[in-house]
Amino acid sequence: MTELTSLRNIGKEREKKLRAVDIPTAEALKKIGSKEAFIRLKLRDPYVCLVHLYALEGAVSDREYNQLPEEVKRDLKAYSDSFK
């Protein structure tokens, strides 16, 4: 099992938050994906925002969150907006 902090964009604080929503490892995050992880976090903390979703997607796809392709960002923004 690989630590969450081994992934891009995941520091100690985000790791703590992910563990609190039953995502304990890098493998678990990759298995459920960024969108499901985002929903779990958002249900626990309404201040979770689009940047968190970008960071989670970057972690899953091994990219810096600010280097995601535009089409991926558009899809994630639409997904995030659907929960407002």
N, C-alpha and C. Protein backbone atom coordinates (compact mmCIF):
# COMPACT_ATOMS: atom_id res chain seq x y z
N MET A 1 0.83 -1.18 0.00
CA MET A 1 0.00 0.00 0.00
C MET A 1 0.88 1.25 0.00
N THR A 2 0.52 2.16 -0.84
CA THR A 2 1.32 3.36 -1.03
C THR A 2 0.68 4.54 -0.30
N GLU A 3 1.49 5.33 0.36
CA GLU A 3 1.00 6.51 1.07
C GLU A 3 0.38 7.50 0.08
N LEU A 4 -0.66 8.16 0.52
CA LEU A 4 -1.29 9.19 -0.31
C LEU A 4 -0.32 10.30 -0.65
N THR A 5 0.56 10.65 0.28
CA THR A 5 1.50 11.75 0.04
C THR A 5 2.54 11.43 -1.03
N SER A 6 2.57 10.19 -1.49
CA SER A 6 3.49 9.86 -2.59
C SER A 6 2.94 10.39 -3.93
N LEU A 7 1.66 10.75 -3.94
CA LEU A 7 1.03 11.28 -5.16
C LEU A 7 1.25 12.78 -5.27
N ARG A 8 1.25 13.26 -6.50
CA ARG A 8 1.33 14.71 -6.73
C ARG A 8 0.12 15.38 -6.09
N ASN A 9 0.32 16.60 -5.63
CA ASN A 9 -0.74 17.45 -5.10
C ASN A 9 -1.33 16.99 -3.75
N ILE A 10 -0.79 15.94 -3.17
CA ILE A 10 -1.32 15.45 -1.90
C ILE A 10 -0.29 15.65 -0.80
N GLY A 11 -0.57 16.61 0.06
CA GLY A 11 0.28 16.87 1.21
C GLY A 11 -0.33 16.23 2.45
N LYS A 12 0.26 16.51 3.58
CA LYS A 12 -0.20 15.91 4.84
C LYS A 12 -1.64 16.30 5.18
N GLU A 13 -2.00 17.56 4.97
CA GLU A 13 -3.35 18.00 5.31
C GLU A 13 -4.40 17.34 4.42
N ARG A 14 -4.14 17.29 3.13
CA ARG A 14 -5.09 16.64 2.22
C ARG A 14 -5.15 15.14 2.50
N GLU A 15 -4.01 14.55 2.83
CA GLU A 15 -3.99 13.13 3.19
C GLU A 15 -4.90 12.88 4.39
N LYS A 16 -4.81 13.73 5.39
CA LYS A 16 -5.63 13.60 6.59
C LYS A 16 -7.12 13.67 6.23
N LYS A 17 -7.48 14.60 5.36
CA LYS A 17 -8.88 14.75 4.95
C LYS A 17 -9.35 13.53 4.15
N LEU A 18 -8.50 13.01 3.29
CA LEU A 18 -8.87 11.83 2.51
C LEU A 18 -9.05 10.61 3.41
N ARG A 19 -8.17 10.45 4.36
CA ARG A 19 -8.30 9.32 5.30
C ARG A 19 -9.61 9.42 6.08
N ALA A 20 -10.03 10.64 6.39
CA ALA A 20 -11.27 10.85 7.16
C ALA A 20 -12.51 10.42 6.38
N VAL A 21 -12.39 10.33 5.05
CA VAL A 21 -13.53 9.88 4.22
C VAL A 21 -13.26 8.50 3.62
N ASP A 22 -12.48 7.70 4.35
CA ASP A 22 -12.22 6.30 3.98
C ASP A 22 -11.46 6.12 2.67
N ILE A 23 -10.50 7.01 2.44
CA ILE A 23 -9.59 6.85 1.31
C ILE A 23 -8.18 6.84 1.92
N PRO A 24 -7.71 5.66 2.32
CA PRO A 24 -6.48 5.58 3.11
C PRO A 24 -5.17 5.48 2.33
N THR A 25 -5.26 5.12 1.04
CA THR A 25 -4.03 4.87 0.28
C THR A 25 -4.11 5.48 -1.12
N ALA A 26 -2.95 5.56 -1.75
CA ALA A 26 -2.89 6.04 -3.14
C ALA A 26 -3.71 5.12 -4.04
N GLU A 27 -3.62 3.83 -3.80
CA GLU A 27 -4.37 2.87 -4.61
C GLU A 27 -5.88 3.08 -4.47
N ALA A 28 -6.32 3.35 -3.25
CA ALA A 28 -7.76 3.58 -3.01
C ALA A 28 -8.23 4.82 -3.76
N LEU A 29 -7.43 5.88 -3.74
CA LEU A 29 -7.80 7.11 -4.45
C LEU A 29 -7.87 6.85 -5.95
N LYS A 30 -6.89 6.17 -6.48
CA LYS A 30 -6.89 5.88 -7.92
C LYS A 30 -8.07 5.00 -8.30
N LYS A 31 -8.45 4.07 -7.42
CA LYS A 31 -9.55 3.16 -7.72
C LYS A 31 -10.89 3.91 -7.77
N ILE A 32 -11.13 4.79 -6.80
CA ILE A 32 -12.43 5.47 -6.79
C ILE A 32 -12.46 6.69 -7.70
N GLY A 33 -11.30 7.27 -7.96
CA GLY A 33 -11.22 8.40 -8.87
C GLY A 33 -11.44 9.75 -8.19
N SER A 34 -11.09 10.78 -8.92
CA SER A 34 -11.12 12.13 -8.37
C SER A 34 -12.54 12.61 -8.07
N LYS A 35 -13.49 12.26 -8.91
CA LYS A 35 -14.86 12.77 -8.72
C LYS A 35 -15.51 12.19 -7.47
N GLU A 36 -15.38 10.90 -7.27
CA GLU A 36 -15.95 10.28 -6.07
C GLU A 36 -15.25 10.80 -4.81
N ALA A 37 -13.94 10.95 -4.87
CA ALA A 37 -13.20 11.49 -3.73
C ALA A 37 -13.67 12.91 -3.43
N PHE A 38 -13.87 13.70 -4.47
CA PHE A 38 -14.35 15.07 -4.31
C PHE A 38 -15.71 15.09 -3.60
N ILE A 39 -16.62 14.23 -4.03
CA ILE A 39 -17.94 14.18 -3.41
C ILE A 39 -17.84 13.82 -1.94
N ARG A 40 -17.03 12.83 -1.63
CA ARG A 40 -16.87 12.44 -0.22
C ARG A 40 -16.36 13.61 0.61
N LEU A 41 -15.36 14.31 0.08
CA LEU A 41 -14.81 15.46 0.79
C LEU A 41 -15.84 16.58 0.92
N LYS A 42 -16.56 16.84 -0.16
CA LYS A 42 -17.54 17.93 -0.20
C LYS A 42 -18.68 17.67 0.80
N LEU A 43 -19.10 16.44 0.93
CA LEU A 43 -20.15 16.11 1.88
C LEU A 43 -19.70 16.35 3.33
N ARG A 44 -18.43 16.18 3.56
CA ARG A 44 -17.88 16.39 4.90
C ARG A 44 -17.56 17.86 5.15
N ASP A 45 -17.13 18.55 4.11
CA ASP A 45 -16.70 19.95 4.24
C ASP A 45 -17.22 20.74 3.05
N PRO A 46 -18.25 21.55 3.24
CA PRO A 46 -18.83 22.30 2.11
C PRO A 46 -17.89 23.31 1.47
N TYR A 47 -16.76 23.60 2.11
CA TYR A 47 -15.81 24.55 1.54
C TYR A 47 -14.85 23.92 0.53
N VAL A 48 -14.95 22.60 0.35
CA VAL A 48 -14.16 21.95 -0.69
C VAL A 48 -14.60 22.53 -2.04
N CYS A 49 -13.62 22.91 -2.86
CA CYS A 49 -13.96 23.63 -4.09
C CYS A 49 -13.29 22.99 -5.32
N LEU A 50 -13.47 23.67 -6.44
CA LEU A 50 -12.95 23.18 -7.71
C LEU A 50 -11.45 22.91 -7.67
N VAL A 51 -10.70 23.73 -6.99
CA VAL A 51 -9.24 23.53 -6.92
C VAL A 51 -8.92 22.18 -6.27
N HIS A 52 -9.71 21.79 -5.28
CA HIS A 52 -9.52 20.48 -4.67
C HIS A 52 -9.74 19.37 -5.70
N LEU A 53 -10.76 19.53 -6.51
CA LEU A 53 -11.04 18.53 -7.55
C LEU A 53 -9.90 18.46 -8.55
N TYR A 54 -9.38 19.61 -8.96
CA TYR A 54 -8.22 19.63 -9.86
C TYR A 54 -7.04 18.90 -9.22
N ALA A 55 -6.80 19.16 -7.95
CA ALA A 55 -5.67 18.52 -7.25
C ALA A 55 -5.85 17.01 -7.19
N LEU A 56 -7.08 16.58 -6.91
CA LEU A 56 -7.35 15.14 -6.87
C LEU A 56 -7.16 14.49 -8.23
N GLU A 57 -7.64 15.15 -9.28
CA GLU A 57 -7.46 14.62 -10.64
C GLU A 57 -5.97 14.57 -10.99
N GLY A 58 -5.25 15.60 -10.60
CA GLY A 58 -3.81 15.59 -10.84
C GLY A 58 -3.12 14.45 -10.12
N ALA A 59 -3.56 14.17 -8.91
CA ALA A 59 -2.99 13.06 -8.14
C ALA A 59 -3.26 11.72 -8.84
N VAL A 60 -4.48 11.55 -9.31
CA VAL A 60 -4.87 10.30 -9.97
C VAL A 60 -4.15 10.14 -11.31
N SER A 61 -3.98 11.25 -12.05
CA SER A 61 -3.39 11.17 -13.39
C SER A 61 -1.90 11.52 -13.42
N ASP A 62 -1.30 11.71 -12.24
CA ASP A 62 0.12 12.00 -12.11
C ASP A 62 0.53 13.28 -12.86
N ARG A 63 -0.22 14.35 -12.59
CA ARG A 63 0.09 15.66 -13.16
C ARG A 63 -0.05 16.71 -12.07
N GLU A 64 0.67 17.79 -12.22
CA GLU A 64 0.44 18.93 -11.35
C GLU A 64 -0.97 19.44 -11.65
N TYR A 65 -1.68 19.89 -10.63
CA TYR A 65 -3.08 20.30 -10.84
C TYR A 65 -3.22 21.43 -11.84
N ASN A 66 -2.21 22.28 -11.94
CA ASN A 66 -2.29 23.40 -12.88
C ASN A 66 -1.81 23.04 -14.28
N GLN A 67 -1.50 21.77 -14.50
CA GLN A 67 -1.07 21.29 -15.82
C GLN A 67 -2.10 20.37 -16.46
N LEU A 68 -3.30 20.32 -15.90
CA LEU A 68 -4.34 19.48 -16.49
C LEU A 68 -4.75 20.04 -17.85
N PRO A 69 -5.05 19.20 -18.81
CA PRO A 69 -5.51 19.68 -20.12
C PRO A 69 -6.81 20.47 -19.98
N GLU A 70 -7.01 21.42 -20.86
CA GLU A 70 -8.19 22.29 -20.80
C GLU A 70 -9.49 21.50 -20.84
N GLU A 71 -9.56 20.46 -21.65
CA GLU A 71 -10.81 19.70 -21.74
C GLU A 71 -11.12 18.98 -20.43
N VAL A 72 -10.07 18.53 -19.74
CA VAL A 72 -10.26 17.88 -18.44
C VAL A 72 -10.75 18.93 -17.44
N LYS A 73 -10.15 20.11 -17.46
CA LYS A 73 -10.58 21.18 -16.54
C LYS A 73 -12.03 21.57 -16.79
N ARG A 74 -12.43 21.65 -18.05
CA ARG A 74 -13.83 21.99 -18.36
C ARG A 74 -14.78 20.93 -17.81
N ASP A 75 -14.44 19.66 -18.00
CA ASP A 75 -15.27 18.57 -17.50
C ASP A 75 -15.37 18.63 -15.97
N LEU A 76 -14.25 18.84 -15.31
CA LEU A 76 -14.24 18.89 -13.85
C LEU A 76 -15.01 20.10 -13.34
N LYS A 77 -14.90 21.23 -14.03
CA LYS A 77 -15.64 22.43 -13.62
C LYS A 77 -17.13 22.19 -13.73
N ALA A 78 -17.56 21.59 -14.83
CA ALA A 78 -18.98 21.29 -15.01
C ALA A 78 -19.47 20.34 -13.90
N TYR A 79 -18.65 19.37 -13.57
CA TYR A 79 -18.99 18.42 -12.50
C TYR A 79 -19.12 19.16 -11.17
N SER A 80 -18.14 19.96 -10.85
CA SER A 80 -18.15 20.74 -9.61
C SER A 80 -19.35 21.67 -9.55
N ASP A 81 -19.63 22.35 -10.65
CA ASP A 81 -20.75 23.30 -10.71
C ASP A 81 -22.09 22.61 -10.47
N SER A 82 -22.18 21.33 -10.79
CA SER A 82 -23.45 20.63 -10.62
C SER A 82 -23.80 20.43 -9.14
N PHE A 83 -22.87 20.73 -8.24
CA PHE A 83 -23.12 20.58 -6.79
C PHE A 83 -23.32 21.90 -6.07
N LYS A 84 -23.47 22.97 -6.83
CA LYS A 84 -23.68 24.29 -6.21
C LYS A 84 -25.13 24.51 -5.90
